Amino acid sequence: MTSNFATPVALTSFDGQWKAEGNEIRWQTSMELNNDYFEIQRAVDAVHFTGIAQVEGQDNSNLLTNYEYIDFARETGTNYYRLKQVDFDGRVSYSETIELKPAETTNGVVSVFPNPSNGIFQVEIFNERETRLALHLTDLKGAVLLNEYRTLPKGQQHFEIDLSDKPEGVYILQLESPVQKNLSSNCSRKDNSMLLRLMGLPDIS
């Protein structure tokens, strides 16, 4: 990635990666002079950017410095990012724009995180078209805790499973879709089910 930054900041790289838990944004500088901070900006159309986070700069440095930020609140589908670099005197520069989107091969792949969790599990699935998803949640004894259907639009979808009122233990989540026969997961078993590990909250008394 070629930098649009004029000195006093030398941006040697700016890239990112779409991950299940969020979009990972990475950049590196080889020199910083009078650098106050970076503002990470995001857009869904590559035109209308808004700031989503600020990362403190090094002020003055001649060393390689690596930065990283994870956008846990990304928009559905393609996201565009750029860096706004701000000097202590108020001058600004902008990086080039990078594009992050789910790979086509991620269709039907389910991600559940964090796992283990202390109550709230985040579920993400990418659909190439609208689909009806069946969710079945049981404990290890087979008792049904959740049995519902959700209509999910096309694209990257996200929802929560709240087990905060359940006792600590292991639960089985099974997902079924009539249009996506090969649902898979980052923690799946052969029957398209996954184990959710619920941990108790720490004792702070």
Protein backbone atom coordinates (compact mmCIF):
# COMPACT_ATOMS: atom_id res chain seq x y z
CA MET A 1 0.00 0.00 0.00
CA THR A 2 1.49 3.31 -1.10
CA SER A 3 1.07 6.13 1.38
CA ASN A 4 -0.65 9.41 0.59
CA PHE A 5 0.86 10.85 3.76
CA ALA A 6 3.33 13.63 3.20
CA THR A 7 6.15 13.90 5.70
CA PRO A 8 6.37 14.24 8.72
CA VAL A 9 4.79 10.75 8.89
CA ALA A 10 6.13 7.96 6.68
CA LEU A 11 3.46 5.28 6.33
CA THR A 12 5.14 2.12 5.07
CA SER A 13 2.05 -0.12 5.01
CA PHE A 14 -1.70 0.03 5.54
CA ASP A 15 -3.87 -3.06 5.18
CA GLY A 16 -6.54 -5.09 6.90
CA GLN A 17 -8.22 -8.45 7.16
CA TRP A 18 -11.84 -9.52 7.51
CA LYS A 19 -12.11 -11.82 10.55
CA ALA A 20 -15.02 -13.45 12.31
CA GLU A 21 -14.82 -11.21 15.37
CA GLY A 22 -14.29 -7.97 13.44
CA ASN A 23 -12.26 -6.22 10.77
CA GLU A 24 -8.58 -6.01 11.70
CA ILE A 25 -6.89 -2.79 10.56
CA ARG A 26 -3.08 -2.66 10.54
CA TRP A 27 -0.55 -0.02 9.60
CA GLN A 28 3.15 0.70 10.06
CA THR A 29 5.21 3.87 10.12
CA SER A 30 8.97 4.22 9.72
CA MET A 31 9.16 7.84 10.89
CA GLU A 32 6.90 10.22 12.79
CA LEU A 33 7.47 13.89 13.46
CA ASN A 34 5.01 16.00 15.45
CA ASN A 35 2.40 13.25 15.07
CA ASP A 36 -0.52 13.64 17.48
CA TYR A 37 -2.87 10.80 16.50
CA PHE A 38 -4.46 8.71 13.77
CA GLU A 39 -8.20 8.65 13.21
CA ILE A 40 -9.56 5.46 11.66
CA GLN A 41 -12.38 6.27 9.26
CA ARG A 42 -14.93 3.90 7.75
CA ALA A 43 -17.42 4.10 4.87
CA VAL A 44 -19.76 1.71 3.10
CA ASP A 45 -19.58 3.56 -0.23
CA ALA A 46 -15.87 4.55 -0.31
CA VAL A 47 -16.98 8.21 -0.31
CA HIS A 48 -18.73 9.28 2.89
CA PHE A 49 -16.27 8.46 5.68
CA THR A 50 -16.87 8.83 9.40
CA GLY A 51 -14.37 8.49 12.24
CA ILE A 52 -14.74 5.36 14.36
CA ALA A 53 -11.64 5.46 16.58
CA GLN A 54 -8.50 7.40 17.47
CA VAL A 55 -5.08 5.87 18.04
CA GLU A 56 -2.34 7.92 19.69
CA GLY A 57 0.75 8.60 17.58
CA GLN A 58 4.40 8.46 18.64
CA ASP A 59 4.97 12.24 18.60
CA ASN A 60 8.55 11.95 17.30
CA SER A 61 10.09 8.64 16.29
CA ASN A 62 12.58 7.21 13.79
CA LEU A 63 11.70 3.60 14.59
CA LEU A 64 9.35 1.18 12.87
CA THR A 65 6.03 1.36 14.71
CA ASN A 66 3.18 -1.10 14.20
CA TYR A 67 -0.44 -0.22 14.89
CA GLU A 68 -3.54 -2.39 15.03
CA TYR A 69 -7.24 -1.81 15.58
CA ILE A 70 -10.20 -4.22 15.39
CA ASP A 71 -13.53 -2.85 14.22
CA PHE A 72 -16.05 -4.93 16.16
CA ALA A 73 -18.96 -2.80 14.90
CA ARG A 74 -18.35 -3.11 11.15
CA GLU A 75 -21.19 -2.68 8.70
CA THR A 76 -22.75 -5.59 6.83
CA GLY A 77 -20.96 -6.42 3.60
CA THR A 78 -18.08 -4.38 2.19
CA ASN A 79 -16.38 -1.82 4.43
CA TYR A 80 -13.88 0.82 3.30
CA TYR A 81 -11.22 2.27 5.59
CA ARG A 82 -8.72 5.09 5.53
CA LEU A 83 -6.44 6.81 8.05
CA LYS A 84 -6.58 10.48 8.93
CA GLN A 85 -3.26 11.57 10.40
CA VAL A 86 -3.34 14.68 12.61
CA ASP A 87 -0.29 16.73 13.64
CA PHE A 88 -0.03 18.62 16.92
CA ASP A 89 -0.39 21.85 14.94
CA GLY A 90 -3.70 20.65 13.48
CA ARG A 91 -2.54 19.77 9.98
CA VAL A 92 -4.06 16.58 8.55
CA SER A 93 -3.20 14.02 5.88
CA TYR A 94 -5.09 11.01 4.57
CA SER A 95 -3.99 7.54 3.56
CA GLU A 96 -5.25 5.62 0.58
CA THR A 97 -8.46 3.63 1.01
CA ILE A 98 -8.56 -0.12 1.64
CA GLU A 99 -11.53 -2.41 1.05
CA LEU A 100 -12.50 -5.29 3.34
CA LYS A 101 -15.28 -7.75 2.64
CA PRO A 102 -16.11 -11.37 3.45
CA ALA A 103 -14.54 -13.78 1.00
CA GLU A 104 -16.96 -15.63 -1.25
CA THR A 105 -15.73 -18.89 0.23
CA THR A 106 -17.11 -17.92 3.64
CA ASN A 107 -20.70 -18.55 2.54
CA GLY A 108 -22.45 -20.63 5.19
CA VAL A 109 -19.57 -20.46 7.67
CA VAL A 110 -20.72 -19.78 11.21
CA SER A 111 -18.52 -18.09 13.79
CA VAL A 112 -19.38 -18.08 17.49
CA PHE A 113 -17.38 -15.92 19.89
CA PRO A 114 -16.29 -15.57 22.57
CA ASN A 115 -16.31 -19.25 23.40
CA PRO A 116 -16.06 -19.85 26.35
CA SER A 117 -18.29 -16.95 27.40
CA ASN A 118 -19.75 -15.70 30.66
CA GLY A 119 -23.21 -15.30 29.17
CA ILE A 120 -23.46 -13.64 25.74
CA PHE A 121 -22.38 -15.53 22.62
CA GLN A 122 -22.02 -13.59 19.36
CA VAL A 123 -23.00 -15.50 16.21
CA GLU A 124 -21.99 -14.46 12.69
CA ILE A 125 -22.95 -16.10 9.41
CA PHE A 126 -22.50 -15.03 5.81
CA ASN A 127 -25.34 -15.79 3.37
CA GLU A 128 -25.10 -15.46 -0.39
CA ARG A 129 -28.90 -15.10 -0.40
CA GLU A 130 -31.77 -14.76 2.07
CA THR A 131 -32.20 -17.91 4.12
CA ARG A 132 -34.28 -19.34 6.95
CA LEU A 133 -32.11 -20.57 9.80
CA ALA A 134 -33.21 -22.99 12.50
CA LEU A 135 -31.50 -22.75 15.89
CA HIS A 136 -31.68 -25.61 18.38
CA LEU A 137 -29.99 -25.30 21.76
CA THR A 138 -29.84 -28.12 24.30
CA ASP A 139 -27.86 -29.04 27.35
CA LEU A 140 -25.77 -32.20 27.49
CA LYS A 141 -28.74 -34.14 28.88
CA GLY A 142 -30.83 -33.26 25.82
CA ALA A 143 -33.14 -30.73 27.47
CA VAL A 144 -34.27 -28.17 24.88
CA LEU A 145 -33.42 -24.59 25.86
CA LEU A 146 -34.00 -22.86 22.53
CA ASN A 147 -35.86 -23.89 19.40
CA GLU A 148 -36.53 -21.04 16.99
CA TYR A 149 -36.33 -19.93 13.36
CA ARG A 150 -34.81 -16.75 12.00
CA THR A 151 -35.03 -15.30 8.51
CA LEU A 152 -31.62 -13.88 7.67
CA PRO A 153 -31.10 -11.42 4.79
CA LYS A 154 -28.34 -11.78 2.25
CA GLY A 155 -24.86 -10.83 3.42
CA GLN A 156 -22.99 -10.86 6.70
CA GLN A 157 -25.43 -11.29 9.59
CA HIS A 158 -24.92 -11.06 13.32
CA PHE A 159 -27.03 -11.96 16.33
CA GLU A 160 -26.63 -12.88 20.00
CA ILE A 161 -27.47 -15.91 22.08
CA ASP A 162 -27.98 -14.95 25.71
CA LEU A 163 -27.27 -17.71 28.22
CA SER A 164 -26.58 -15.39 31.13
CA ASP A 165 -29.51 -16.87 33.08
CA LYS A 166 -28.26 -20.45 32.62
CA PRO A 167 -25.94 -22.34 34.97
CA GLU A 168 -22.28 -22.77 34.13
CA GLY A 169 -21.65 -25.72 31.84
CA VAL A 170 -21.54 -26.93 28.24
CA TYR A 171 -24.42 -26.52 25.78
CA ILE A 172 -24.98 -27.79 22.24
CA LEU A 173 -26.05 -25.38 19.49
CA GLN A 174 -27.24 -26.87 16.21
CA LEU A 175 -27.94 -24.79 13.11
CA GLU A 176 -29.93 -25.94 10.09
CA SER A 177 -30.65 -24.16 6.81
CA PRO A 178 -32.61 -25.53 3.82
CA VAL A 179 -30.54 -23.54 1.31
CA GLN A 180 -27.14 -24.01 2.93
CA LYS A 181 -26.60 -27.70 3.47
CA ASN A 182 -22.97 -27.35 4.49
CA LEU A 183 -23.06 -24.99 7.43
CA SER A 184 -19.75 -25.14 9.22
CA SER A 185 -18.32 -23.50 12.28
CA ASN A 186 -15.09 -22.51 13.93
CA CYS A 187 -16.03 -24.97 16.69
CA SER A 188 -18.35 -27.40 14.88
CA ARG A 189 -18.82 -31.14 15.06
CA LYS A 190 -19.81 -33.55 12.28
CA ASP A 191 -23.55 -33.02 12.83
CA ASN A 192 -23.30 -29.24 12.27
CA SER A 193 -23.50 -28.66 16.00
CA MET A 194 -21.10 -26.80 18.23
CA LEU A 195 -20.31 -26.80 21.92
CA LEU A 196 -20.88 -23.55 23.79
CA ARG A 197 -18.98 -23.32 27.04
CA LEU A 198 -20.62 -21.09 29.64
CA MET A 199 -18.38 -19.91 32.44
CA GLY A 200 -19.50 -18.35 35.69
CA LEU A 201 -18.89 -14.68 36.34
CA PRO A 202 -15.83 -13.94 38.50
CA ASP A 203 -16.48 -13.39 42.18
CA ILE A 204 -15.70 -9.73 42.91
CA SER A 205 -17.04 -9.68 46.45
